[in-house]
């Protein structure tokens, strides 16, 4: 699923992303060169950890995933759990 499709899916579920949030999403994707899968997973983890979209948290998470070479959803959740990001 592309990032655009994922954002649209979340919008249907009631999550609204302002222009600033969308800017962070695409900035983080470009900054880290992450795949759509990793970006979508980072959005999901951000929403679960912060209960809202926090752009700086999201970008930091993406940078951490990139640094660790994480490319799968499962590995991203293990990474988040290892840092106690998901309570």
PDB file of N, CA and C in Angstrom:
ATOM      1  N   UNK A   1       0.849  -1.176   0.000  1.00  0.00           N
ATOM      2  CA  UNK A   1       0.000   0.000   0.000  1.00  0.00           C
ATOM      3  C   UNK A   1       0.897   1.241   0.000  1.00  0.00           C
ATOM      4  N   UNK A   2       0.576   2.188  -0.836  1.00  0.00           N
ATOM      5  CA  UNK A   2       1.373   3.415  -0.880  1.00  0.00           C
ATOM      6  C   UNK A   2       1.071   4.277   0.342  1.00  0.00           C
ATOM      7  N   UNK A   3       1.922   5.246   0.583  1.00  0.00           N
ATOM      8  CA  UNK A   3       1.708   6.168   1.697  1.00  0.00           C
ATOM      9  C   UNK A   3       0.395   6.923   1.493  1.00  0.00           C
ATOM     10  N   UNK A   4       0.136   7.375   0.292  1.00  0.00           N
ATOM     11  CA  UNK A   4      -1.115   8.090   0.000  1.00  0.00           C
ATOM     12  C   UNK A   4      -2.330   7.218   0.320  1.00  0.00           C
ATOM     13  N   UNK A   5      -2.286   5.954  -0.083  1.00  0.00           N
ATOM     14  CA  UNK A   5      -3.394   5.045   0.187  1.00  0.00           C
ATOM     15  C   UNK A   5      -3.559   4.814   1.686  1.00  0.00           C
ATOM     16  N   UNK A   6      -2.445   4.688   2.396  1.00  0.00           N
ATOM     17  CA  UNK A   6      -2.494   4.457   3.836  1.00  0.00           C
ATOM     18  C   UNK A   6      -3.104   5.668   4.554  1.00  0.00           C
ATOM     19  N   UNK A   7      -2.691   6.866   4.155  1.00  0.00           N
ATOM     20  CA  UNK A   7      -3.250   8.083   4.752  1.00  0.00           C
ATOM     21  C   UNK A   7      -4.747   8.169   4.470  1.00  0.00           C
ATOM     22  N   UNK A   8      -5.138   7.821   3.261  1.00  0.00           N
ATOM     23  CA  UNK A   8      -6.557   7.829   2.909  1.00  0.00           C
ATOM     24  C   UNK A   8      -7.322   6.817   3.765  1.00  0.00           C
ATOM     25  N   UNK A   9      -6.747   5.634   3.959  1.00  0.00           N
ATOM     26  CA  UNK A   9      -7.369   4.601   4.790  1.00  0.00           C
ATOM     27  C   UNK A   9      -7.561   5.114   6.220  1.00  0.00           C
ATOM     28  N   UNK A  10      -6.530   5.758   6.757  1.00  0.00           N
ATOM     29  CA  UNK A  10      -6.620   6.297   8.113  1.00  0.00           C
ATOM     30  C   UNK A  10      -7.660   7.418   8.192  1.00  0.00           C
ATOM     31  N   UNK A  11      -7.760   8.205   7.139  1.00  0.00           N
ATOM     32  CA  UNK A  11      -8.764   9.279   7.098  1.00  0.00           C
ATOM     33  C   UNK A  11     -10.171   8.706   7.188  1.00  0.00           C
ATOM     34  N   UNK A  12     -10.405   7.592   6.501  1.00  0.00           N
ATOM     35  CA  UNK A  12     -11.711   6.937   6.564  1.00  0.00           C
ATOM     36  C   UNK A  12     -12.005   6.432   7.975  1.00  0.00           C
ATOM     37  N   UNK A  13     -10.943   6.109   8.721  1.00  0.00           N
ATOM     38  CA  UNK A  13     -11.104   5.616  10.092  1.00  0.00           C
ATOM     39  C   UNK A  13     -11.211   6.756  11.105  1.00  0.00           C
ATOM     40  N   UNK A  14     -11.099   8.006  10.629  1.00  0.00           N
ATOM     41  CA  UNK A  14     -11.300   9.142  11.516  1.00  0.00           C
ATOM     42  C   UNK A  14     -10.050   9.919  11.888  1.00  0.00           C
ATOM     43  N   UNK A  15      -8.888   9.486  11.433  1.00  0.00           N
ATOM     44  CA  UNK A  15      -7.663  10.245  11.697  1.00  0.00           C
ATOM     45  C   UNK A  15      -7.532  11.326  10.640  1.00  0.00           C
ATOM     46  N   UNK A  16      -7.358  12.555  11.082  1.00  0.00           N
ATOM     47  CA  UNK A  16      -7.177  13.628  10.111  1.00  0.00           C
ATOM     48  C   UNK A  16      -5.753  14.160  10.224  1.00  0.00           C
ATOM     49  N   UNK A  17      -5.144  14.364   9.093  1.00  0.00           N
ATOM     50  CA  UNK A  17      -3.781  14.869   9.028  1.00  0.00           C
ATOM     51  C   UNK A  17      -3.801  16.256   8.419  1.00  0.00           C
ATOM     52  N   UNK A  18      -3.307  17.231   9.162  1.00  0.00           N
ATOM     53  CA  UNK A  18      -3.206  18.581   8.641  1.00  0.00           C
ATOM     54  C   UNK A  18      -2.045  18.696   7.671  1.00  0.00           C
ATOM     55  N   UNK A  19      -1.934  19.859   7.068  1.00  0.00           N
ATOM     56  CA  UNK A  19      -0.851  20.094   6.111  1.00  0.00           C
ATOM     57  C   UNK A  19       0.524  19.914   6.762  1.00  0.00           C
ATOM     58  N   UNK A  20       0.671  20.330   8.018  1.00  0.00           N
ATOM     59  CA  UNK A  20       1.953  20.184   8.700  1.00  0.00           C
ATOM     60  C   UNK A  20       2.290  18.709   8.896  1.00  0.00           C
ATOM     61  N   UNK A  21       1.308  17.890   9.263  1.00  0.00           N
ATOM     62  CA  UNK A  21       1.541  16.453   9.455  1.00  0.00           C
ATOM     63  C   UNK A  21       1.921  15.798   8.133  1.00  0.00           C
ATOM     64  N   UNK A  22       1.210  16.150   7.080  1.00  0.00           N
ATOM     65  CA  UNK A  22       1.532  15.583   5.764  1.00  0.00           C
ATOM     66  C   UNK A  22       2.936  15.999   5.334  1.00  0.00           C
ATOM     67  N   UNK A  23       3.300  17.237   5.648  1.00  0.00           N
ATOM     68  CA  UNK A  23       4.651  17.706   5.342  1.00  0.00           C
ATOM     69  C   UNK A  23       5.698  16.867   6.050  1.00  0.00           C
ATOM     70  N   UNK A  24       5.482  16.587   7.340  1.00  0.00           N
ATOM     71  CA  UNK A  24       6.411  15.749   8.094  1.00  0.00           C
ATOM     72  C   UNK A  24       6.484  14.341   7.508  1.00  0.00           C
ATOM     73  N   UNK A  25       5.350  13.796   7.129  1.00  0.00           N
ATOM     74  CA  UNK A  25       5.320  12.432   6.588  1.00  0.00           C
ATOM     75  C   UNK A  25       6.194  12.333   5.342  1.00  0.00           C
ATOM     76  N   UNK A  26       5.991  13.253   4.411  1.00  0.00           N
ATOM     77  CA  UNK A  26       6.744  13.176   3.158  1.00  0.00           C
ATOM     78  C   UNK A  26       8.189  13.641   3.327  1.00  0.00           C
ATOM     79  N   UNK A  27       8.427  14.588   4.229  1.00  0.00           N
ATOM     80  CA  UNK A  27       9.792  15.009   4.530  1.00  0.00           C
ATOM     81  C   UNK A  27      10.582  13.831   5.103  1.00  0.00           C
ATOM     82  N   UNK A  28      10.002  13.139   6.067  1.00  0.00           N
ATOM     83  CA  UNK A  28      10.675  11.986   6.672  1.00  0.00           C
ATOM     84  C   UNK A  28      10.950  10.889   5.666  1.00  0.00           C
ATOM     85  N   UNK A  29      10.000  10.650   4.779  1.00  0.00           N
ATOM     86  CA  UNK A  29      10.172   9.627   3.743  1.00  0.00           C
ATOM     87  C   UNK A  29      11.359   9.975   2.845  1.00  0.00           C
ATOM     88  N   UNK A  30      11.422  11.232   2.416  1.00  0.00           N
ATOM     89  CA  UNK A  30      12.523  11.668   1.553  1.00  0.00           C
ATOM     90  C   UNK A  30      13.853  11.703   2.304  1.00  0.00           C
ATOM     91  N   UNK A  31      13.830  12.199   3.524  1.00  0.00           N
ATOM     92  CA  UNK A  31      15.048  12.313   4.328  1.00  0.00           C
ATOM     93  C   UNK A  31      15.717  10.962   4.528  1.00  0.00           C
ATOM     94  N   UNK A  32      14.908   9.947   4.803  1.00  0.00           N
ATOM     95  CA  UNK A  32      15.466   8.629   5.116  1.00  0.00           C
ATOM     96  C   UNK A  32      15.492   7.688   3.923  1.00  0.00           C
ATOM     97  N   UNK A  33      14.784   8.039   2.860  1.00  0.00           N
ATOM     98  CA  UNK A  33      14.719   7.146   1.698  1.00  0.00           C
ATOM     99  C   UNK A  33      13.994   5.857   2.022  1.00  0.00           C
ATOM    100  N   UNK A  34      13.063   5.931   2.958  1.00  0.00           N
ATOM    101  CA  UNK A  34      12.350   4.741   3.413  1.00  0.00           C
ATOM    102  C   UNK A  34      11.282   4.302   2.422  1.00  0.00           C
ATOM    103  N   UNK A  35      11.004   2.999   2.448  1.00  0.00           N
ATOM    104  CA  UNK A  35       9.956   2.437   1.602  1.00  0.00           C
ATOM    105  C   UNK A  35       8.586   2.834   2.148  1.00  0.00           C
ATOM    106  N   UNK A  36       7.572   2.667   1.316  1.00  0.00           N
ATOM    107  CA  UNK A  36       6.213   2.951   1.756  1.00  0.00           C
ATOM    108  C   UNK A  36       5.840   2.077   2.958  1.00  0.00           C
ATOM    109  N   UNK A  37       6.256   0.826   2.955  1.00  0.00           N
ATOM    110  CA  UNK A  37       5.959  -0.073   4.064  1.00  0.00           C
ATOM    111  C   UNK A  37       6.527   0.458   5.381  1.00  0.00           C
ATOM    112  N   UNK A  38       7.763   0.901   5.368  1.00  0.00           N
ATOM    113  CA  UNK A  38       8.395   1.407   6.587  1.00  0.00           C
ATOM    114  C   UNK A  38       7.738   2.722   7.014  1.00  0.00           C
ATOM    115  N   UNK A  39       7.441   3.587   6.074  1.00  0.00           N
ATOM    116  CA  UNK A  39       6.788   4.863   6.389  1.00  0.00           C
ATOM    117  C   UNK A  39       5.405   4.603   6.991  1.00  0.00           C
ATOM    118  N   UNK A  40       4.635   3.729   6.380  1.00  0.00           N
ATOM    119  CA  UNK A  40       3.306   3.411   6.901  1.00  0.00           C
ATOM    120  C   UNK A  40       3.396   2.830   8.313  1.00  0.00           C
ATOM    121  N   UNK A  41       4.376   1.978   8.532  1.00  0.00           N
ATOM    122  CA  UNK A  41       4.562   1.385   9.856  1.00  0.00           C
ATOM    123  C   UNK A  41       4.974   2.448  10.864  1.00  0.00           C
ATOM    124  N   UNK A  42       5.828   3.371  10.465  1.00  0.00           N
ATOM    125  CA  UNK A  42       6.241   4.461  11.363  1.00  0.00           C
ATOM    126  C   UNK A  42       5.052   5.352  11.714  1.00  0.00           C
ATOM    127  N   UNK A  43       4.171   5.598  10.755  1.00  0.00           N
ATOM    128  CA  UNK A  43       2.953   6.369  11.038  1.00  0.00           C
ATOM    129  C   UNK A  43       2.110   5.613  12.066  1.00  0.00           C
ATOM    130  N   UNK A  44       1.931   4.321  11.853  1.00  0.00           N
ATOM    131  CA  UNK A  44       1.128   3.507  12.769  1.00  0.00           C
ATOM    132  C   UNK A  44       1.723   3.502  14.178  1.00  0.00           C
ATOM    133  N   UNK A  45       3.022   3.302  14.281  1.00  0.00           N
ATOM    134  CA  UNK A  45       3.675   3.295  15.592  1.00  0.00           C
ATOM    135  C   UNK A  45       3.544   4.667  16.251  1.00  0.00           C
ATOM    136  N   UNK A  46       3.723   5.719  15.485  1.00  0.00           N
ATOM    137  CA  UNK A  46       3.589   7.078  16.027  1.00  0.00           C
ATOM    138  C   UNK A  46       2.196   7.293  16.597  1.00  0.00           C
ATOM    139  N   UNK A  47       1.171   6.902  15.854  1.00  0.00           N
ATOM    140  CA  UNK A  47      -0.200   7.085  16.323  1.00  0.00           C
ATOM    141  C   UNK A  47      -0.482   6.243  17.572  1.00  0.00           C
ATOM    142  N   UNK A  48       0.055   5.039  17.614  1.00  0.00           N
ATOM    143  CA  UNK A  48      -0.163   4.179  18.776  1.00  0.00           C
ATOM    144  C   UNK A  48       0.594   4.681  19.997  1.00  0.00           C
ATOM    145  N   UNK A  49       1.806   5.179  19.788  1.00  0.00           N
ATOM    146  CA  UNK A  49       2.636   5.630  20.911  1.00  0.00           C
ATOM    147  C   UNK A  49       2.221   7.001  21.429  1.00  0.00           C
ATOM    148  N   UNK A  50       1.856   7.901  20.528  1.00  0.00           N
ATOM    149  CA  UNK A  50       1.572   9.285  20.903  1.00  0.00           C
ATOM    150  C   UNK A  50       0.078   9.599  20.990  1.00  0.00           C
ATOM    151  N   UNK A  51      -0.767   8.702  20.505  1.00  0.00           N
ATOM    152  CA  UNK A  51      -2.227   8.885  20.469  1.00  0.00           C
ATOM    153  C   UNK A  51      -2.667  10.000  19.524  1.00  0.00           C
ATOM    154  N   UNK A  52      -1.720  10.600  18.855  1.00  0.00           N
ATOM    155  CA  UNK A  52      -1.947  11.616  17.832  1.00  0.00           C
ATOM    156  C   UNK A  52      -0.699  11.633  16.968  1.00  0.00           C
ATOM    157  N   UNK A  53      -0.733  12.353  15.856  1.00  0.00           N
ATOM    158  CA  UNK A  53       0.465  12.390  15.022  1.00  0.00           C
ATOM    159  C   UNK A  53       1.417  13.459  15.533  1.00  0.00           C
ATOM    160  N   UNK A  54       2.615  13.038  15.901  1.00  0.00           N
ATOM    161  CA  UNK A  54       3.676  13.933  16.374  1.00  0.00           C
ATOM    162  C   UNK A  54       4.803  13.861  15.341  1.00  0.00           C
ATOM    163  N   UNK A  55       4.945  14.928  14.571  1.00  0.00           N
ATOM    164  CA  UNK A  55       5.900  14.941  13.464  1.00  0.00           C
ATOM    165  C   UNK A  55       7.338  14.683  13.875  1.00  0.00           C
ATOM    166  N   UNK A  56       7.777  15.292  14.961  1.00  0.00           N
ATOM    167  CA  UNK A  56       9.177  15.105  15.368  1.00  0.00           C
ATOM    168  C   UNK A  56       9.412  13.680  15.860  1.00  0.00           C
ATOM    169  N   UNK A  57       8.442  13.097  16.559  1.00  0.00           N
ATOM    170  CA  UNK A  57       8.541  11.702  16.998  1.00  0.00           C
ATOM    171  C   UNK A  57       8.645  10.791  15.775  1.00  0.00           C
ATOM    172  N   UNK A  58       7.776  11.024  14.808  1.00  0.00           N
ATOM    173  CA  UNK A  58       7.746  10.232  13.577  1.00  0.00           C
ATOM    174  C   UNK A  58       9.079  10.287  12.828  1.00  0.00           C
ATOM    175  N   UNK A  59       9.618  11.485  12.647  1.00  0.00           N
ATOM    176  CA  UNK A  59      10.889  11.617  11.920  1.00  0.00           C
ATOM    177  C   UNK A  59      12.015  10.934  12.696  1.00  0.00           C
ATOM    178  N   UNK A  60      12.050  11.110  14.008  1.00  0.00           N
ATOM    179  CA  UNK A  60      13.074  10.444  14.821  1.00  0.00           C
ATOM    180  C   UNK A  60      12.951   8.928  14.726  1.00  0.00           C
ATOM    181  N   UNK A  61      11.714   8.448  14.752  1.00  0.00           N
ATOM    182  CA  UNK A  61      11.484   7.009  14.619  1.00  0.00           C
ATOM    183  C   UNK A  61      11.977   6.515  13.268  1.00  0.00           C
ATOM    184  N   UNK A  62      11.638   7.215  12.206  1.00  0.00           N
ATOM    185  CA  UNK A  62      12.094   6.821  10.864  1.00  0.00           C
ATOM    186  C   UNK A  62      13.618   6.804  10.790  1.00  0.00           C
ATOM    187  N   UNK A  63      14.256   7.806  11.377  1.00  0.00           N
ATOM    188  CA  UNK A  63      15.724   7.852  11.373  1.00  0.00           C
ATOM    189  C   UNK A  63      16.297   6.665  12.135  1.00  0.00           C
ATOM    190  N   UNK A  64      15.684   6.304  13.257  1.00  0.00           N
ATOM    191  CA  UNK A  64      16.133   5.142  14.021  1.00  0.00           C
ATOM    192  C   UNK A  64      15.966   3.851  13.251  1.00  0.00           C
ATOM    193  N   UNK A  65      14.839   3.712  12.569  1.00  0.00           N
ATOM    194  CA  UNK A  65      14.606   2.517  11.756  1.00  0.00           C
ATOM    195  C   UNK A  65      15.628   2.428  10.622  1.00  0.00           C
ATOM    196  N   UNK A  66      15.913   3.556  10.016  1.00  0.00           N
ATOM    197  CA  UNK A  66      16.900   3.600   8.925  1.00  0.00           C
ATOM    198  C   UNK A  66      18.284   3.223   9.446  1.00  0.00           C
ATOM    199  N   UNK A  67      18.666   3.801  10.578  1.00  0.00           N
ATOM    200  CA  UNK A  67      19.982   3.542  11.169  1.00  0.00           C
ATOM    201  C   UNK A  67      20.170   2.056  11.469  1.00  0.00           C
ATOM    202  N   UNK A  68      19.099   1.408  11.918  1.00  0.00           N
ATOM    203  CA  UNK A  68      19.156  -0.016  12.264  1.00  0.00           C
ATOM    204  C   UNK A  68      18.949  -0.926  11.052  1.00  0.00           C
ATOM    205  N   UNK A  69      18.677  -0.343   9.900  1.00  0.00           N
ATOM    206  CA  UNK A  69      18.484  -1.139   8.683  1.00  0.00           C
ATOM    207  C   UNK A  69      17.184  -1.926   8.671  1.00  0.00           C
ATOM    208  N   UNK A  70      16.188  -1.421   9.350  1.00  0.00           N
ATOM    209  CA  UNK A  70      14.906  -2.122   9.470  1.00  0.00           C
ATOM    210  C   UNK A  70      14.066  -1.899   8.218  1.00  0.00           C
ATOM    211  N   UNK A  71      13.573  -3.004   7.661  1.00  0.00           N
ATOM    212  CA  UNK A  71      12.809  -2.915   6.417  1.00  0.00           C
ATOM    213  C   UNK A  71      11.464  -3.634   6.481  1.00  0.00           C
ATOM    214  N   UNK A  72      11.148  -4.262   7.618  1.00  0.00           N
ATOM    215  CA  UNK A  72       9.877  -4.983   7.731  1.00  0.00           C
ATOM    216  C   UNK A  72       9.029  -4.417   8.863  1.00  0.00           C
ATOM    217  N   UNK A  73       7.748  -4.656   8.760  1.00  0.00           N
ATOM    218  CA  UNK A  73       6.807  -4.194   9.778  1.00  0.00           C
ATOM    219  C   UNK A  73       7.108  -4.852  11.116  1.00  0.00           C
ATOM    220  N   UNK A  74       7.312  -6.142  11.090  1.00  0.00           N
ATOM    221  CA  UNK A  74       7.575  -6.890  12.322  1.00  0.00           C
ATOM    222  C   UNK A  74       8.828  -6.373  13.024  1.00  0.00           C
ATOM    223  N   UNK A  75       9.892  -6.155  12.270  1.00  0.00           N
ATOM    224  CA  UNK A  75      11.142  -5.648  12.856  1.00  0.00           C
ATOM    225  C   UNK A  75      10.952  -4.237  13.411  1.00  0.00           C
ATOM    226  N   UNK A  76      10.139  -3.435  12.741  1.00  0.00           N
ATOM    227  CA  UNK A  76       9.877  -2.063  13.217  1.00  0.00           C
ATOM    228  C   UNK A  76       9.149  -2.097  14.556  1.00  0.00           C
ATOM    229  N   UNK A  77       8.185  -2.994  14.700  1.00  0.00           N
ATOM    230  CA  UNK A  77       7.474  -3.105  15.977  1.00  0.00           C
ATOM    231  C   UNK A  77       8.386  -3.649  17.073  1.00  0.00           C
ATOM    232  N   UNK A  78       9.258  -4.580  16.725  1.00  0.00           N
ATOM    233  CA  UNK A  78      10.235  -5.069  17.721  1.00  0.00           C
ATOM    234  C   UNK A  78      11.146  -3.933  18.155  1.00  0.00           C
ATOM    235  N   UNK A  79      11.584  -3.104  17.209  1.00  0.00           N
ATOM    236  CA  UNK A  79      12.422  -1.942  17.516  1.00  0.00           C
ATOM    237  C   UNK A  79      11.687  -1.010  18.476  1.00  0.00           C
ATOM    238  N   UNK A  80      10.425  -0.693  18.171  1.00  0.00           N
ATOM    239  CA  UNK A  80       9.634   0.201  19.015  1.00  0.00           C
ATOM    240  C   UNK A  80       9.448  -0.387  20.415  1.00  0.00           C
ATOM    241  N   UNK A  81       9.203  -1.669  20.488  1.00  0.00           N
ATOM    242  CA  UNK A  81       9.024  -2.323  21.781  1.00  0.00           C
ATOM    243  C   UNK A  81      10.326  -2.339  22.581  1.00  0.00           C
ATOM    244  N   UNK A  82      11.444  -2.516  21.887  1.00  0.00           N
ATOM    245  CA  UNK A  82      12.737  -2.571  22.592  1.00  0.00           C
ATOM    246  C   UNK A  82      13.088  -1.222  23.234  1.00  0.00           C
ATOM    247  N   UNK A  83      12.538  -0.134  22.712  1.00  0.00           N
ATOM    248  CA  UNK A  83      12.743   1.188  23.270  1.00  0.00           C
ATOM    249  C   UNK A  83      11.548   1.649  24.118  1.00  0.00           C
ATOM    250  N   UNK A  84      10.657   0.706  24.419  1.00  0.00           N
ATOM    251  CA  UNK A  84       9.457   0.989  25.225  1.00  0.00           C
ATOM    252  C   UNK A  84       8.625   2.142  24.666  1.00  0.00           C
ATOM    253  N   UNK A  85       8.523   2.210  23.356  1.00  0.00           N
ATOM    254  CA  UNK A  85       7.718   3.253  22.728  1.00  0.00           C
ATOM    255  C   UNK A  85       6.235   2.922  22.755  1.00  0.00           C
ATOM    256  N   UNK A  86       5.936   1.634  22.812  1.00  0.00           N
ATOM    257  CA  UNK A  86       4.547   1.187  22.835  1.00  0.00           C
ATOM    258  C   UNK A  86       4.237   0.652  24.224  1.00  0.00           C
ATOM    259  N   UNK A  87       3.339   1.308  24.903  1.00  0.00           N
ATOM    260  CA  UNK A  87       2.998   0.888  26.275  1.00  0.00           C
ATOM    261  C   UNK A  87       1.636   0.256  26.298  1.00  0.00           C
TER     262      UNK A  87
END
